Amino acid sequence: MQLNGSGSQYVMKDPFDGGETSLQIDVTNNRWKRFSGITQGGVDGGSVLDLVMHHTDNSNFRDALQWFSNNFPEQL
């Protein structure tokens, strides 16, 4: 995945969708949004832990927290 910085946000453009933004990560507010999602009329998003749960295809909050702790221990 190629993310490009844009201010306090990182974005990924979808080359198959005319170069439109398909993923946006806001590092200031620790939020993310995916515009090709399956919920909310095609938009998924949420907190950092929501992103981990989405990425790991696991809706268990404790598992997501453990994954985050294992992969980014300096952030906790």
Protein backbone atom coordinates (compact mmCIF):
# COMPACT_ATOMS: atom_id res chain seq x y z
CA MET A 1 0.00 0.00 0.00
CA GLN A 2 1.42 3.37 -0.99
CA LEU A 3 0.40 6.14 1.41
CA ASN A 4 1.24 9.74 0.59
CA GLY A 5 1.43 12.48 3.20
CA SER A 6 -0.85 15.46 2.87
CA GLY A 7 -0.69 17.77 5.91
CA SER A 8 -1.71 15.80 8.99
CA GLN A 9 -3.24 13.13 6.78
CA TYR A 10 -1.99 10.23 4.75
CA VAL A 11 -3.97 9.16 1.72
CA MET A 12 -3.95 6.24 -0.67
CA LYS A 13 -5.26 6.79 -4.18
CA ASP A 14 -7.07 4.01 -6.03
CA PRO A 15 -5.58 3.69 -9.54
CA PHE A 16 -8.61 1.67 -10.66
CA ASP A 17 -11.07 4.37 -9.61
CA GLY A 18 -9.71 7.32 -11.56
CA GLY A 19 -7.15 8.18 -8.90
CA GLU A 20 -9.75 9.00 -6.25
CA THR A 21 -8.78 8.79 -2.57
CA SER A 22 -9.72 5.36 -1.23
CA LEU A 23 -8.07 5.48 2.21
CA GLN A 24 -7.43 8.47 4.46
CA ILE A 25 -5.56 8.34 7.78
CA ASP A 26 -5.63 11.38 10.07
CA VAL A 27 -2.64 11.11 12.42
CA THR A 28 -3.62 14.16 14.47
CA ASN A 29 -6.99 12.72 15.46
CA ASN A 30 -6.01 9.02 15.19
CA ARG A 31 -8.88 8.35 12.79
CA TRP A 32 -9.15 6.58 9.44
CA LYS A 33 -11.69 6.40 6.65
CA ARG A 34 -11.94 3.97 3.72
CA PHE A 35 -14.21 5.20 0.95
CA SER A 36 -14.77 1.82 -0.69
CA GLY A 37 -16.05 0.16 2.49
CA ILE A 38 -19.08 -2.03 2.93
CA THR A 39 -20.82 -0.09 5.71
CA GLN A 40 -22.24 3.42 6.01
CA GLY A 41 -23.07 3.74 2.33
CA GLY A 42 -19.65 2.58 1.18
CA VAL A 43 -17.53 4.22 3.89
CA ASP A 44 -15.71 2.44 6.74
CA GLY A 45 -13.70 4.20 9.40
CA GLY A 46 -13.02 4.76 13.04
CA SER A 47 -10.23 4.75 15.57
CA VAL A 48 -6.78 3.18 15.40
CA LEU A 49 -8.08 0.04 17.09
CA ASP A 50 -10.99 -0.11 14.64
CA LEU A 51 -8.41 -0.09 11.84
CA VAL A 52 -6.53 -2.98 13.49
CA MET A 53 -9.78 -4.94 13.85
CA HIS A 54 -10.57 -4.25 10.19
CA HIS A 55 -7.05 -5.16 9.04
CA THR A 56 -6.91 -8.40 11.04
CA ASP A 57 -10.54 -9.29 10.21
CA ASN A 58 -11.26 -9.69 13.92
CA SER A 59 -13.94 -7.77 15.79
CA ASN A 60 -12.54 -8.57 19.25
CA PHE A 61 -11.33 -5.38 20.96
CA ARG A 62 -8.90 -7.24 23.27
CA ASP A 63 -7.30 -9.08 20.35
CA ALA A 64 -6.89 -5.78 18.50
CA LEU A 65 -5.28 -4.18 21.54
CA GLN A 66 -2.90 -7.15 21.87
CA TRP A 67 -2.02 -6.96 18.14
CA PHE A 68 -1.31 -3.23 18.48
CA SER A 69 0.79 -3.84 21.61
CA ASN A 70 2.81 -6.58 19.90
CA ASN A 71 3.46 -4.55 16.74
CA PHE A 72 3.83 -1.03 18.16
CA PRO A 73 4.95 -1.36 21.80
CA GLU A 74 6.56 2.11 21.79
CA GLN A 75 3.14 3.70 21.15
CA LEU A 76 1.58 2.44 24.41
